[in-house]
Amino acid sequence: MRSQEGAIFFVINLVGNFGTVFMDNGYYNKAIAASPVHALPGYVMGGLSWFAIPWLAATTMGLSALALESNPVFPTFPSRMADEDVTAGLVLPYAAVALLGKGGAAATLLLIFMAVTSASSSEYIAVSSIFTYDIYQTYFNPRASGKMLINMAHSFVIVYAILLAAFSTGLYYIGISMGYLYLMMVVDHFAIVVSKSLTARQGVIISSAVLPAVLTLMWKKQNVFAATLSPILGLACSLIAWLVTAKKEFGNLSVTSTGSNNPMLAGNVVALLSPLVFIPILTYAFGPQNYDYKSMAAIRLGNDEDIAAAAHTDLEEIPGVTGMSAADFESEQKKLQRASLIAKSMTGILTLALLILWPMPLYGTGYIFSKKFFTGWVSVGILWLFCSSFCVGLFPLWEGRHSMANTFKGIVRDLSGKGGASIRGRAMEGSDGSTSPREESDKVGEVAMEKKE
């Protein structure tokens, strides 16, 4: 377990994956869309479920490929796998073919297809939401209807998908491998690299935006100059550190030299930590902003009246459309505070367990696995993977059974012509003194502002 290159990769992977989470708008979309009750357990179960996939795949398929390279059933026999094949991510399919033949190839193809479609769909929604709400609605059409926003979101998804496919194909033909992208951008696992490459995931490229993004939510004094300029200055520093280290160590700049561990380590670490210098300088040079976070409660909801009309449903049945009362607002705040405490506690516990208590003793002692220890290691991984399958495959079906039933009933009503042509519900009944969704949202914002005063 004592490997210098492994330790360097550990740091690169750890530093780089900060950006895959903090700078991925898809995570924010899911957190905002989910209810406060379900967001935290959902992310905890999802994170723990994901961990078993790269851990067990690396242990089983990686070692299987090493063991079977000298066997006639291995695809490259009698030669060993070329470095290009390894960095291209072909270890897993080669091992699967050697173990299961054509069935292994089909299973690997299905696995990659599901991983890529899942990851890319998340990125499509993330990018389209930025262009739709943060750019189009904010600067070009503030009064856009819900239907117009959905149409724009669909258009941005199509455009982004075409650009992503073209860019990924270009990377392949210029010789940029998946391993190179992983080290440079440190994406979640082998299949996600291609689907996330256009959005410049993490590592050397965007780690410099992690701390400014975190402090935007956690430190009210950070001003707009620190938030916008620190990532740019950090990117400049990370690129300098990355390329200078490669040039110094290898004497040239090439895909091989810039993709080696030490230059990637320098670029990743500088990218993440350099904003620690720029943020306080820019904040106090231009003056603290002292942002009032409670004003976020006054953000208006989208107007989905036309969407509800087209769907022949009540506006109040659309999740998140109708506003909440002051009592509901207070109840939600208490739930969020409790969830925040639980999240902080679990973060500390899991960080201590997964980054220190588990790997560090094995690395420090240079422990060599015995057969019994290795059997236990793999057995725990397989058990963990079965738990992951339950969490992400079966539990969501049970938890969403009522929503699926309502959806099915709505489809049946719509196909049978019994859906109704009018929109009912308090959100549309202005004549009896009730309010619209936008007015309800404004009231919540007023409640938050009054509590501050």
Protein backbone atom coordinates (compact mmCIF):
# COMPACT_ATOMS: atom_id res chain seq x y z
CA MET A 1 0.00 0.00 0.00
CA ARG A 2 3.04 2.33 0.05
CA SER A 3 3.37 3.93 -3.38
CA GLN A 4 4.71 7.39 -4.08
CA GLU A 5 2.85 7.63 -7.39
CA GLY A 6 -0.29 6.42 -5.64
CA ALA A 7 0.07 9.11 -2.98
CA ILE A 8 0.48 11.79 -5.68
CA PHE A 9 -2.61 10.53 -7.47
CA PHE A 10 -4.46 10.57 -4.13
CA VAL A 11 -3.76 14.29 -3.77
CA ILE A 12 -4.59 15.05 -7.42
CA ASN A 13 -7.83 13.12 -7.19
CA LEU A 14 -8.81 14.69 -3.86
CA VAL A 15 -8.02 18.27 -4.88
CA GLY A 16 -9.51 17.88 -8.33
CA ASN A 17 -12.81 16.38 -7.21
CA PHE A 18 -13.57 19.44 -5.12
CA GLY A 19 -14.35 21.12 -8.42
CA THR A 20 -16.45 18.28 -9.83
CA VAL A 21 -18.87 18.91 -6.96
CA PHE A 22 -18.60 22.59 -6.06
CA MET A 23 -18.43 23.79 -9.68
CA ASP A 24 -21.02 21.45 -11.15
CA ASN A 25 -24.31 23.31 -11.52
CA GLY A 26 -26.10 19.98 -11.72
CA TYR A 27 -25.62 19.44 -7.98
CA TYR A 28 -27.10 22.85 -7.21
CA ASN A 29 -30.07 22.16 -9.48
CA LYS A 30 -30.84 18.93 -7.69
CA ALA A 31 -30.42 20.50 -4.25
CA ILE A 32 -32.77 23.37 -5.12
CA ALA A 33 -35.35 21.10 -6.73
CA ALA A 34 -35.42 18.63 -3.83
CA SER A 35 -37.32 19.26 -0.63
CA PRO A 36 -35.26 20.10 2.48
CA VAL A 37 -36.34 16.79 4.02
CA HIS A 38 -35.03 14.64 1.17
CA ALA A 39 -32.04 16.58 -0.16
CA LEU A 40 -29.58 15.64 2.60
CA PRO A 41 -30.31 11.89 2.87
CA GLY A 42 -30.43 11.71 -0.91
CA TYR A 43 -26.95 13.16 -1.29
CA VAL A 44 -25.55 11.04 1.55
CA MET A 45 -26.94 7.81 0.11
CA GLY A 46 -25.87 8.80 -3.39
CA GLY A 47 -22.32 9.60 -2.29
CA LEU A 48 -21.87 6.42 -0.28
CA SER A 49 -23.42 4.38 -3.09
CA TRP A 50 -21.07 5.85 -5.69
CA PHE A 51 -17.94 5.10 -3.63
CA ALA A 52 -18.28 1.34 -4.11
CA ILE A 53 -18.20 1.61 -7.91
CA PRO A 54 -14.65 2.91 -8.53
CA TRP A 55 -13.32 1.12 -5.44
CA LEU A 56 -14.60 -2.33 -6.40
CA ALA A 57 -14.07 -1.85 -10.15
CA ALA A 58 -10.44 -0.85 -9.59
CA THR A 59 -9.84 -3.75 -7.23
CA THR A 60 -11.48 -6.51 -9.25
CA MET A 61 -11.16 -5.51 -12.91
CA GLY A 62 -7.76 -3.84 -12.58
CA LEU A 63 -6.16 -6.82 -10.86
CA SER A 64 -7.98 -9.23 -13.19
CA ALA A 65 -6.42 -7.50 -16.19
CA LEU A 66 -2.96 -7.76 -14.63
CA ALA A 67 -3.45 -11.44 -13.83
CA LEU A 68 -4.88 -12.40 -17.22
CA GLU A 69 -2.48 -10.53 -19.51
CA SER A 70 -0.42 -13.70 -19.98
CA ASN A 71 -3.50 -15.85 -20.66
CA PRO A 72 -4.49 -16.66 -24.27
CA VAL A 73 -8.05 -15.40 -23.62
CA PHE A 74 -6.81 -11.86 -23.07
CA PRO A 75 -7.48 -9.59 -26.11
CA THR A 76 -3.86 -8.39 -26.41
CA PHE A 77 -2.19 -11.80 -25.87
CA PRO A 78 0.74 -12.44 -26.19
CA SER A 79 1.54 -8.75 -25.77
CA ARG A 80 0.82 -6.76 -22.64
CA MET A 81 -1.55 -3.83 -22.70
CA ALA A 82 0.00 -0.76 -24.27
CA ASP A 83 0.20 2.43 -22.25
CA GLU A 84 -2.13 4.04 -24.78
CA ASP A 85 -4.77 1.39 -24.10
CA VAL A 86 -4.50 1.93 -20.36
CA THR A 87 -4.89 5.69 -20.59
CA ALA A 88 -7.75 5.20 -23.05
CA GLY A 89 -9.69 3.37 -20.32
CA LEU A 90 -9.60 -0.07 -21.92
CA VAL A 91 -8.55 -2.00 -18.80
CA LEU A 92 -12.11 -2.75 -17.75
CA PRO A 93 -13.42 -3.92 -21.17
CA TYR A 94 -10.33 -6.05 -21.79
CA ALA A 95 -10.72 -7.74 -18.40
CA ALA A 96 -14.45 -8.23 -18.96
CA VAL A 97 -13.86 -9.83 -22.37
CA ALA A 98 -11.20 -12.13 -20.92
CA LEU A 99 -13.52 -13.23 -18.11
CA LEU A 100 -16.91 -13.36 -19.87
CA GLY A 101 -16.22 -13.29 -23.59
CA LYS A 102 -18.82 -11.54 -25.76
CA GLY A 103 -21.11 -11.24 -22.75
CA GLY A 104 -18.44 -9.19 -20.98
CA ALA A 105 -18.12 -6.90 -23.97
CA ALA A 106 -21.89 -6.38 -24.08
CA ALA A 107 -22.04 -5.74 -20.33
CA THR A 108 -19.21 -3.20 -20.58
CA LEU A 109 -20.90 -1.43 -23.48
CA LEU A 110 -24.15 -1.22 -21.51
CA LEU A 111 -22.29 0.05 -18.44
CA ILE A 112 -20.52 2.78 -20.41
CA PHE A 113 -23.71 3.76 -22.24
CA MET A 114 -25.64 4.15 -18.98
CA ALA A 115 -22.81 6.08 -17.29
CA VAL A 116 -22.32 8.46 -20.21
CA THR A 117 -26.03 9.11 -20.76
CA SER A 118 -26.58 9.69 -17.04
CA ALA A 119 -23.63 12.05 -16.69
CA SER A 120 -24.23 13.91 -19.95
CA SER A 121 -27.95 14.40 -19.27
CA SER A 122 -27.07 15.97 -15.94
CA GLU A 123 -24.64 18.33 -17.65
CA TYR A 124 -27.16 19.20 -20.37
CA ILE A 125 -29.67 20.29 -17.73
CA ALA A 126 -27.00 22.16 -15.76
CA VAL A 127 -25.74 24.14 -18.74
CA SER A 128 -29.22 24.81 -20.16
CA SER A 129 -30.42 26.12 -16.78
CA ILE A 130 -27.51 28.58 -16.64
CA PHE A 131 -28.21 29.90 -20.13
CA THR A 132 -31.98 29.89 -19.64
CA TYR A 133 -32.38 31.46 -16.21
CA ASP A 134 -29.07 33.21 -15.48
CA ILE A 135 -28.56 34.68 -18.93
CA TYR A 136 -31.71 34.61 -21.10
CA GLN A 137 -34.31 35.41 -18.42
CA THR A 138 -32.06 37.73 -16.42
CA TYR A 139 -30.71 39.88 -19.23
CA PHE A 140 -32.88 39.35 -22.33
CA ASN A 141 -36.45 38.47 -21.36
CA PRO A 142 -37.25 38.97 -17.64
CA ARG A 143 -41.00 38.45 -18.27
CA ALA A 144 -40.62 35.18 -20.14
CA SER A 145 -43.43 32.70 -19.51
CA GLY A 146 -42.84 29.21 -18.22
CA LYS A 147 -43.47 27.73 -21.65
CA MET A 148 -40.97 30.10 -23.26
CA LEU A 149 -38.32 29.21 -20.66
CA ILE A 150 -38.84 25.50 -21.27
CA ASN A 151 -38.52 25.99 -25.04
CA MET A 152 -35.30 27.94 -24.54
CA ALA A 153 -33.96 25.26 -22.20
CA HIS A 154 -34.66 22.57 -24.82
CA SER A 155 -32.92 24.65 -27.48
CA PHE A 156 -29.83 25.12 -25.31
CA VAL A 157 -29.73 21.37 -24.60
CA ILE A 158 -29.65 20.60 -28.34
CA VAL A 159 -26.97 23.20 -29.06
CA TYR A 160 -24.82 22.11 -26.13
CA ALA A 161 -25.14 18.42 -27.08
CA ILE A 162 -23.88 19.14 -30.59
CA LEU A 163 -20.97 21.23 -29.32
CA LEU A 164 -20.08 18.62 -26.70
CA ALA A 165 -20.07 15.79 -29.24
CA ALA A 166 -17.93 17.78 -31.66
CA PHE A 167 -15.46 18.84 -28.98
CA SER A 168 -15.13 15.32 -27.54
CA THR A 169 -14.53 13.89 -31.02
CA GLY A 170 -11.87 16.53 -31.62
CA LEU A 171 -10.07 15.59 -28.39
CA TYR A 172 -9.96 11.97 -29.52
CA TYR A 173 -8.45 12.75 -32.90
CA ILE A 174 -5.74 15.07 -31.53
CA GLY A 175 -4.57 12.35 -29.16
CA ILE A 176 -5.92 13.57 -25.81
CA SER A 177 -6.66 10.38 -23.88
CA MET A 178 -9.19 9.78 -21.14
CA GLY A 179 -6.42 9.32 -18.60
CA TYR A 180 -4.98 12.71 -19.50
CA LEU A 181 -8.37 14.36 -19.10
CA TYR A 182 -8.92 12.59 -15.80
CA LEU A 183 -5.73 13.97 -14.31
CA MET A 184 -6.28 17.43 -15.76
CA MET A 185 -9.94 17.75 -14.99
CA VAL A 186 -10.49 14.92 -12.51
CA VAL A 187 -14.00 13.82 -13.32
CA ASP A 188 -16.09 11.32 -11.38
CA HIS A 189 -15.12 8.10 -13.13
CA PHE A 190 -13.88 6.82 -16.48
CA ALA A 191 -17.12 7.20 -18.44
CA ILE A 192 -17.89 10.74 -17.29
CA VAL A 193 -14.65 12.21 -18.62
CA VAL A 194 -15.82 12.58 -22.21
CA SER A 195 -19.28 13.85 -21.33
CA LYS A 196 -17.96 16.57 -19.04
CA SER A 197 -14.90 17.66 -20.98
CA LEU A 198 -16.46 20.72 -22.65
CA THR A 199 -17.51 22.23 -19.34
CA ALA A 200 -13.86 22.15 -18.19
CA ARG A 201 -14.30 20.11 -15.09
CA GLN A 202 -12.00 20.64 -12.13
CA GLY A 203 -8.32 20.11 -11.62
CA VAL A 204 -5.92 22.51 -13.26
CA ILE A 205 -8.70 24.22 -15.18
CA ILE A 206 -11.31 25.30 -12.63
CA SER A 207 -10.18 24.39 -9.13
CA SER A 208 -9.42 28.07 -8.67
CA ALA A 209 -13.17 28.75 -8.62
CA VAL A 210 -13.89 26.39 -5.70
CA LEU A 211 -13.03 28.69 -2.79
CA PRO A 212 -14.68 31.79 -4.32
CA ALA A 213 -17.84 29.74 -4.90
CA VAL A 214 -17.84 28.39 -1.36
CA LEU A 215 -17.22 31.79 0.21
CA THR A 216 -19.96 33.31 -1.95
CA LEU A 217 -22.36 31.19 0.09
CA MET A 218 -20.51 31.14 3.41
CA TRP A 219 -18.81 34.55 3.88
CA LYS A 220 -20.90 37.68 3.50
CA LYS A 221 -17.87 40.00 3.28
CA GLN A 222 -16.54 38.61 0.00
CA ASN A 223 -17.23 41.20 -2.68
CA VAL A 224 -17.95 40.88 -6.38
CA PHE A 225 -14.33 41.59 -7.35
CA ALA A 226 -12.99 38.77 -5.19
CA ALA A 227 -15.64 36.37 -6.47
CA THR A 228 -15.02 37.12 -10.16
CA LEU A 229 -11.30 37.89 -10.33
CA SER A 230 -9.93 35.22 -7.96
CA PRO A 231 -10.83 32.30 -10.27
CA ILE A 232 -9.18 34.04 -13.23
CA LEU A 233 -6.00 34.86 -11.31
CA GLY A 234 -5.97 31.36 -9.82
CA LEU A 235 -6.32 29.82 -13.28
CA ALA A 236 -3.34 31.85 -14.50
CA CYS A 237 -1.26 30.66 -11.54
CA SER A 238 -2.28 27.01 -11.99
CA LEU A 239 -1.44 27.01 -15.70
CA ILE A 240 1.96 28.56 -14.97
CA ALA A 241 2.71 26.01 -12.23
CA TRP A 242 1.53 23.13 -14.40
CA LEU A 243 3.49 24.04 -17.54
CA VAL A 244 6.64 25.26 -15.77
CA THR A 245 6.84 22.02 -13.76
CA ALA A 246 6.43 19.96 -16.92
CA LYS A 247 9.09 21.96 -18.75
CA LYS A 248 11.49 21.83 -15.80
CA GLU A 249 11.08 18.09 -15.25
CA PHE A 250 11.02 16.85 -18.87
CA GLY A 251 12.63 19.67 -20.83
CA ASN A 252 9.67 19.95 -23.24
CA LEU A 253 5.93 20.52 -23.34
CA SER A 254 3.97 17.62 -24.79
CA VAL A 255 0.94 15.51 -23.98
CA THR A 256 3.22 13.05 -22.19
CA SER A 257 5.12 15.61 -20.11
CA THR A 258 2.12 17.74 -19.16
CA GLY A 259 0.10 14.62 -18.34
CA SER A 260 2.59 13.19 -15.84
CA ASN A 261 1.86 13.18 -12.13
CA ASN A 262 4.15 15.92 -10.83
CA PRO A 263 3.02 18.69 -13.23
CA MET A 264 -0.61 17.72 -12.62
CA LEU A 265 -0.01 17.77 -8.87
CA ALA A 266 1.51 21.26 -9.02
CA GLY A 267 -1.28 22.62 -11.22
CA ASN A 268 -4.09 21.14 -9.13
CA VAL A 269 -2.77 22.26 -5.76
CA VAL A 270 -1.96 25.79 -6.95
CA ALA A 271 -5.39 26.09 -8.57
CA LEU A 272 -7.20 25.17 -5.37
CA LEU A 273 -5.11 27.15 -2.88
CA SER A 274 -4.06 30.29 -4.77
CA PRO A 275 -7.44 32.03 -4.17
CA LEU A 276 -6.56 32.03 -0.46
CA VAL A 277 -4.16 34.83 -1.35
CA PHE A 278 -6.34 36.72 -3.83
CA ILE A 279 -9.70 36.66 -2.02
CA PRO A 280 -8.71 38.61 1.13
CA ILE A 281 -6.59 41.06 -0.87
CA LEU A 282 -9.41 41.86 -3.30
CA THR A 283 -12.06 41.86 -0.59
CA TYR A 284 -10.36 44.41 1.64
CA ALA A 285 -8.81 46.39 -1.22
CA PHE A 286 -12.26 47.16 -2.69
CA GLY A 287 -14.18 46.93 0.60
CA PRO A 288 -16.29 44.11 2.10
CA GLN A 289 -19.71 43.70 0.52
CA ASN A 290 -21.59 42.50 3.65
CA TYR A 291 -24.19 40.74 1.52
CA ASP A 292 -27.61 40.09 3.05
CA TYR A 293 -28.39 36.43 2.39
CA LYS A 294 -32.00 36.81 3.49
CA SER A 295 -32.71 38.75 0.33
CA MET A 296 -32.42 35.43 -1.53
CA ALA A 297 -35.84 34.52 -0.14
CA ALA A 298 -37.34 37.25 -2.33
CA ILE A 299 -36.31 35.48 -5.55
CA ARG A 300 -39.44 35.05 -7.61
CA LEU A 301 -40.75 31.72 -8.82
CA GLY A 302 -41.27 30.98 -12.47
CA ASN A 303 -44.72 31.50 -13.95
CA ASP A 304 -46.01 28.06 -14.96
CA GLU A 305 -49.65 28.99 -15.55
CA ASP A 306 -49.49 28.28 -19.29
CA ILE A 307 -47.77 24.93 -18.67
CA ALA A 308 -50.47 23.86 -16.23
CA ALA A 309 -53.16 24.87 -18.73
CA ALA A 310 -51.58 22.79 -21.49
CA ALA A 311 -51.28 19.81 -19.12
CA HIS A 312 -54.93 20.14 -17.95
CA THR A 313 -53.89 20.12 -14.31
CA ASP A 314 -54.17 22.28 -11.24
CA LEU A 315 -51.40 24.82 -10.90
CA GLU A 316 -51.14 24.01 -7.20
CA GLU A 317 -50.36 20.39 -8.07
CA ILE A 318 -47.10 21.40 -9.74
CA PRO A 319 -44.34 21.00 -7.10
CA GLY A 320 -42.86 24.28 -5.93
CA VAL A 321 -45.33 26.52 -7.78
CA THR A 322 -47.58 27.64 -4.98
CA GLY A 323 -45.97 29.81 -2.35
CA MET A 324 -45.66 28.94 1.32
CA SER A 325 -47.14 30.61 4.34
CA ALA A 326 -45.08 32.27 7.05
CA ALA A 327 -45.57 29.20 9.27
CA ASP A 328 -44.38 26.87 6.51
CA PHE A 329 -41.40 29.15 5.94
CA GLU A 330 -40.42 28.97 9.62
CA SER A 331 -40.82 25.19 9.62
CA GLU A 332 -38.61 24.87 6.54
CA GLN A 333 -35.91 27.03 8.10
CA LYS A 334 -35.81 24.77 11.16
CA LYS A 335 -35.48 21.71 8.93
CA LEU A 336 -32.67 23.35 6.98
CA GLN A 337 -30.80 24.28 10.16
CA ARG A 338 -31.10 20.72 11.44
CA ALA A 339 -29.99 19.35 8.07
CA SER A 340 -27.02 21.74 8.09
CA LEU A 341 -25.90 20.45 11.50
CA ILE A 342 -26.23 16.84 10.41
CA ALA A 343 -24.38 17.51 7.14
CA LYS A 344 -21.47 19.18 8.92
CA SER A 345 -21.21 16.33 11.42
CA MET A 346 -21.31 13.65 8.73
CA THR A 347 -18.76 15.54 6.64
CA GLY A 348 -16.31 15.52 9.53
CA ILE A 349 -16.92 11.86 10.37
CA LEU A 350 -16.69 10.58 6.79
CA THR A 351 -13.63 12.73 6.03
CA LEU A 352 -11.86 11.35 9.09
CA ALA A 353 -12.85 7.75 8.29
CA LEU A 354 -12.29 7.65 4.51
CA LEU A 355 -9.24 9.92 4.21
CA ILE A 356 -7.32 9.26 7.44
CA LEU A 357 -8.38 6.26 9.55
CA TRP A 358 -8.77 3.89 6.61
CA PRO A 359 -5.96 4.65 4.11
CA MET A 360 -3.25 6.31 6.20
CA PRO A 361 -2.35 3.34 8.48
CA LEU A 362 -2.15 1.05 5.43
CA TYR A 363 0.06 3.54 3.59
CA GLY A 364 2.26 4.39 6.57
CA THR A 365 2.99 0.78 7.47
CA GLY A 366 3.42 -0.34 3.85
CA TYR A 367 1.02 -3.18 4.59
CA ILE A 368 1.05 -6.09 2.15
CA PHE A 369 -2.32 -7.78 1.81
CA SER A 370 -2.57 -11.36 2.99
CA LYS A 371 -4.93 -13.70 1.18
CA LYS A 372 -7.40 -13.55 4.06
CA PHE A 373 -7.25 -9.72 4.25
CA PHE A 374 -7.68 -9.39 0.49
CA THR A 375 -10.67 -11.75 0.57
CA GLY A 376 -12.26 -9.59 3.24
CA TRP A 377 -11.43 -6.42 1.28
CA VAL A 378 -13.19 -7.69 -1.85
CA SER A 379 -16.11 -9.15 0.12
CA VAL A 380 -16.80 -5.82 1.82
CA GLY A 381 -16.66 -4.11 -1.56
CA ILE A 382 -19.16 -6.55 -3.10
CA LEU A 383 -21.51 -6.18 -0.11
CA TRP A 384 -21.22 -2.39 -0.38
CA LEU A 385 -22.03 -2.59 -4.09
CA PHE A 386 -25.19 -4.59 -3.42
CA CYS A 387 -26.24 -1.91 -0.92
CA SER A 388 -25.54 0.69 -3.60
CA SER A 389 -27.74 -1.20 -6.05
CA PHE A 390 -30.58 -1.13 -3.54
CA CYS A 391 -30.13 2.59 -2.77
CA VAL A 392 -30.04 3.78 -6.38
CA GLY A 393 -32.13 1.06 -8.05
CA LEU A 394 -34.90 -0.16 -5.76
CA PHE A 395 -35.35 2.41 -3.00
CA PRO A 396 -36.17 5.32 -5.40
CA LEU A 397 -38.94 3.19 -6.94
CA TRP A 398 -40.47 2.59 -3.52
CA GLU A 399 -40.06 6.20 -2.39
CA GLY A 400 -41.54 7.57 -5.61
CA ARG A 401 -44.40 5.10 -5.89
CA HIS A 402 -47.04 7.75 -5.14
CA SER A 403 -45.63 10.20 -7.68
CA MET A 404 -45.45 7.49 -10.33
CA ALA A 405 -49.04 6.50 -9.58
CA ASN A 406 -50.20 10.10 -9.93
CA THR A 407 -48.28 10.45 -13.18
CA PHE A 408 -49.82 7.27 -14.56
CA LYS A 409 -53.30 8.41 -13.56
CA GLY A 410 -52.70 11.77 -15.23
CA ILE A 411 -51.63 10.06 -18.46
CA VAL A 412 -54.73 7.86 -18.39
CA ARG A 413 -56.99 10.87 -17.75
CA ASP A 414 -55.33 12.80 -20.55
CA LEU A 415 -55.62 9.94 -23.05
CA SER A 416 -59.23 9.29 -22.09
CA GLY A 417 -60.17 12.97 -22.38
CA LYS A 418 -61.14 13.26 -18.72
CA GLY A 419 -58.34 15.60 -17.70
CA GLY A 420 -60.42 18.77 -17.75
CA ALA A 421 -59.68 21.95 -19.65
CA SER A 422 -59.61 24.47 -16.84
CA ILE A 423 -57.01 25.32 -14.25
CA ARG A 424 -58.26 25.15 -10.74
CA GLY A 425 -56.64 25.83 -7.40
CA ARG A 426 -55.95 28.81 -5.26
CA ALA A 427 -53.01 29.99 -7.36
CA MET A 428 -55.41 31.04 -10.14
CA GLU A 429 -58.37 32.27 -8.13
CA GLY A 430 -57.72 35.97 -8.00
CA SER A 431 -61.37 36.92 -7.65
CA ASP A 432 -61.75 35.55 -4.13
CA GLY A 433 -58.77 37.32 -2.69
CA SER A 434 -56.17 34.58 -3.07
CA THR A 435 -52.76 35.26 -4.58
CA SER A 436 -50.69 34.15 -7.53
CA PRO A 437 -47.51 32.09 -7.16
CA ARG A 438 -45.35 35.17 -7.74
CA GLU A 439 -47.20 37.09 -5.03
CA GLU A 440 -46.86 34.15 -2.63
CA SER A 441 -43.13 34.08 -3.33
CA ASP A 442 -42.90 37.81 -2.67
CA LYS A 443 -44.67 37.34 0.65
CA VAL A 444 -42.09 34.79 1.75
CA GLY A 445 -39.36 37.25 0.86
CA GLU A 446 -41.12 39.96 2.87
CA VAL A 447 -41.35 37.63 5.87
CA ALA A 448 -37.60 36.98 5.71
CA MET A 449 -36.78 40.69 5.37
CA GLU A 450 -39.09 41.62 8.27
CA LYS A 451 -37.38 39.08 10.54
CA LYS A 452 -34.04 40.67 9.73
CA GLU A 453 -35.35 44.10 10.68
